[in-house]
Amino acid sequence: MFFGDSEKSIPADVRNVLDAAALLQVSEFCLFQLAYRHWHGSDTSEGSIERHFIPYMFRSVVPFWVRQLCRRVLQAAADGTLDPVDFGIEPSRVGEHQPVTLVRALAVGGTVVGMLLLACGLFVGY
């Protein structure tokens, strides 16, 4: 779906994981967590997910329960009915990160102005 001809060597299962994660806008690891929850009906520890994720990363081994979730995500996308909420993805609230962004912007702006004033002062000879 998202890969060009130059990446045909990627196994189909891995391509599906990458595509499904991109469609849901989550990491591959998060996709494994979601797949576990959907298949087993409960969450598990990160360590438990890592035991399945490491073989995926190094040997392209995709567990059947991850493969199943990928198929559902890709089918929903193909049907035009993909809603990440249906897969347990919480929508981010608009403006949720704005206060931190504003503080950072003000800090960076203040630093730049301060550096410019210092440079001007050194140049003029104050």
Protein backbone atom coordinates (compact mmCIF):
# COMPACT_ATOMS: atom_id res chain seq x y z
CA MET A 1 0.00 0.00 0.00
CA PHE A 2 2.64 2.57 1.06
CA PHE A 3 5.70 0.94 -0.52
CA GLY A 4 7.14 1.41 -3.96
CA ASP A 5 8.77 -1.07 -6.32
CA SER A 6 12.18 -0.70 -4.67
CA GLU A 7 10.90 -2.31 -1.48
CA LYS A 8 9.40 -5.50 -2.93
CA SER A 9 11.83 -7.55 -0.85
CA ILE A 10 9.87 -6.73 2.32
CA PRO A 11 7.85 -9.81 3.34
CA ALA A 12 4.08 -9.39 2.91
CA ASP A 13 3.41 -9.88 6.64
CA VAL A 14 5.90 -7.16 7.56
CA ARG A 15 4.49 -4.85 4.89
CA ASN A 16 1.02 -5.39 6.34
CA VAL A 17 2.26 -4.56 9.85
CA LEU A 18 3.90 -1.38 8.59
CA ASP A 19 0.84 -0.37 6.59
CA ALA A 20 -1.62 -1.08 9.41
CA ALA A 21 0.52 0.83 11.91
CA ALA A 22 0.74 3.78 9.51
CA LEU A 23 -3.02 3.76 8.91
CA LEU A 24 -3.70 3.76 12.66
CA GLN A 25 -0.85 6.26 13.20
CA VAL A 26 0.80 4.12 15.88
CA SER A 27 4.18 2.45 16.22
CA GLU A 28 4.66 -1.18 15.25
CA PHE A 29 5.12 -2.05 18.93
CA CYS A 30 1.83 -0.34 19.78
CA LEU A 31 0.18 -2.32 16.97
CA PHE A 32 1.43 -5.52 18.62
CA GLN A 33 -0.08 -4.35 21.92
CA LEU A 34 -3.41 -3.59 20.24
CA ALA A 35 -3.39 -6.93 18.44
CA TYR A 36 -2.73 -8.77 21.69
CA ARG A 37 -5.60 -6.96 23.38
CA HIS A 38 -7.98 -7.70 20.49
CA TRP A 39 -7.04 -11.38 20.27
CA HIS A 40 -6.70 -12.20 23.98
CA GLY A 41 -9.25 -9.78 25.40
CA SER A 42 -6.83 -8.20 27.86
CA ASP A 43 -3.59 -6.26 27.99
CA THR A 44 -0.24 -7.79 28.86
CA SER A 45 3.11 -6.47 30.00
CA GLU A 46 5.55 -4.79 27.65
CA GLY A 47 7.98 -7.62 28.36
CA SER A 48 5.47 -10.14 27.09
CA ILE A 49 4.94 -8.12 23.91
CA GLU A 50 8.73 -7.79 23.48
CA ARG A 51 9.03 -11.60 23.39
CA HIS A 52 6.91 -11.51 20.23
CA PHE A 53 8.21 -8.21 18.86
CA ILE A 54 11.92 -9.11 18.85
CA PRO A 55 11.47 -12.06 16.44
CA TYR A 56 9.40 -9.72 14.26
CA MET A 57 12.16 -7.09 14.22
CA PHE A 58 15.05 -9.45 13.53
CA ARG A 59 13.48 -12.33 11.58
CA SER A 60 10.21 -10.86 10.19
CA VAL A 61 8.11 -13.29 12.25
CA VAL A 62 4.57 -11.92 12.62
CA PRO A 63 2.36 -13.70 15.19
CA PHE A 64 -1.01 -14.90 13.89
CA TRP A 65 -2.91 -12.53 16.19
CA VAL A 66 -1.00 -9.51 14.80
CA ARG A 67 -1.60 -10.76 11.25
CA GLN A 68 -5.34 -10.98 12.00
CA LEU A 69 -5.53 -7.39 13.27
CA CYS A 70 -3.56 -6.14 10.26
CA ARG A 71 -6.03 -7.82 7.93
CA ARG A 72 -8.94 -6.14 9.71
CA VAL A 73 -7.28 -2.70 9.59
CA LEU A 74 -6.33 -3.03 5.92
CA GLN A 75 -9.79 -4.30 4.98
CA ALA A 76 -11.47 -1.42 6.82
CA ALA A 77 -9.18 1.02 5.01
CA ALA A 78 -10.00 -0.60 1.66
CA ASP A 79 -13.73 -0.40 2.45
CA GLY A 80 -13.41 3.24 3.49
CA THR A 81 -14.68 2.48 6.99
CA LEU A 82 -11.42 2.72 8.96
CA ASP A 83 -11.93 4.43 12.30
CA PRO A 84 -8.96 4.08 14.66
CA VAL A 85 -11.35 4.30 17.64
CA ASP A 86 -12.77 0.92 16.56
CA PHE A 87 -9.32 -0.53 17.18
CA GLY A 88 -8.81 1.05 20.59
CA ILE A 89 -6.97 4.17 19.48
CA GLU A 90 -8.03 7.16 21.54
CA PRO A 91 -8.34 10.35 19.49
CA SER A 92 -6.05 13.10 20.68
CA ARG A 93 -7.80 16.19 21.85
CA VAL A 94 -7.18 19.29 19.76
CA GLY A 95 -4.93 21.68 21.65
CA GLU A 96 -3.85 19.02 24.13
CA HIS A 97 -0.17 19.86 23.61
CA GLN A 98 -0.51 23.58 22.97
CA PRO A 99 0.59 24.84 26.42
CA VAL A 100 3.90 22.99 26.20
CA THR A 101 4.38 24.14 22.62
CA LEU A 102 3.63 27.75 23.56
CA VAL A 103 6.07 27.68 26.47
CA ARG A 104 8.77 26.20 24.24
CA ALA A 105 8.11 28.76 21.52
CA LEU A 106 8.35 31.61 24.02
CA ALA A 107 11.56 30.18 25.50
CA VAL A 108 13.18 29.76 22.09
CA GLY A 109 12.01 33.20 20.97
CA GLY A 110 13.33 34.81 24.14
CA THR A 111 16.67 33.06 23.73
CA VAL A 112 16.98 34.18 20.11
CA VAL A 113 16.12 37.79 21.00
CA GLY A 114 18.59 37.71 23.89
CA MET A 115 21.36 36.35 21.66
CA LEU A 116 20.64 39.02 19.03
CA LEU A 117 20.77 41.78 21.63
CA LEU A 118 24.03 40.39 23.01
CA ALA A 119 25.51 40.15 19.51
CA CYS A 120 24.43 43.70 18.73
CA GLY A 121 25.93 44.92 22.01
CA LEU A 122 29.25 43.24 21.28
CA PHE A 123 29.29 44.54 17.72
CA VAL A 124 28.57 48.13 18.74
CA GLY A 125 31.05 47.90 21.60
CA TYR A 126 28.91 48.30 24.69
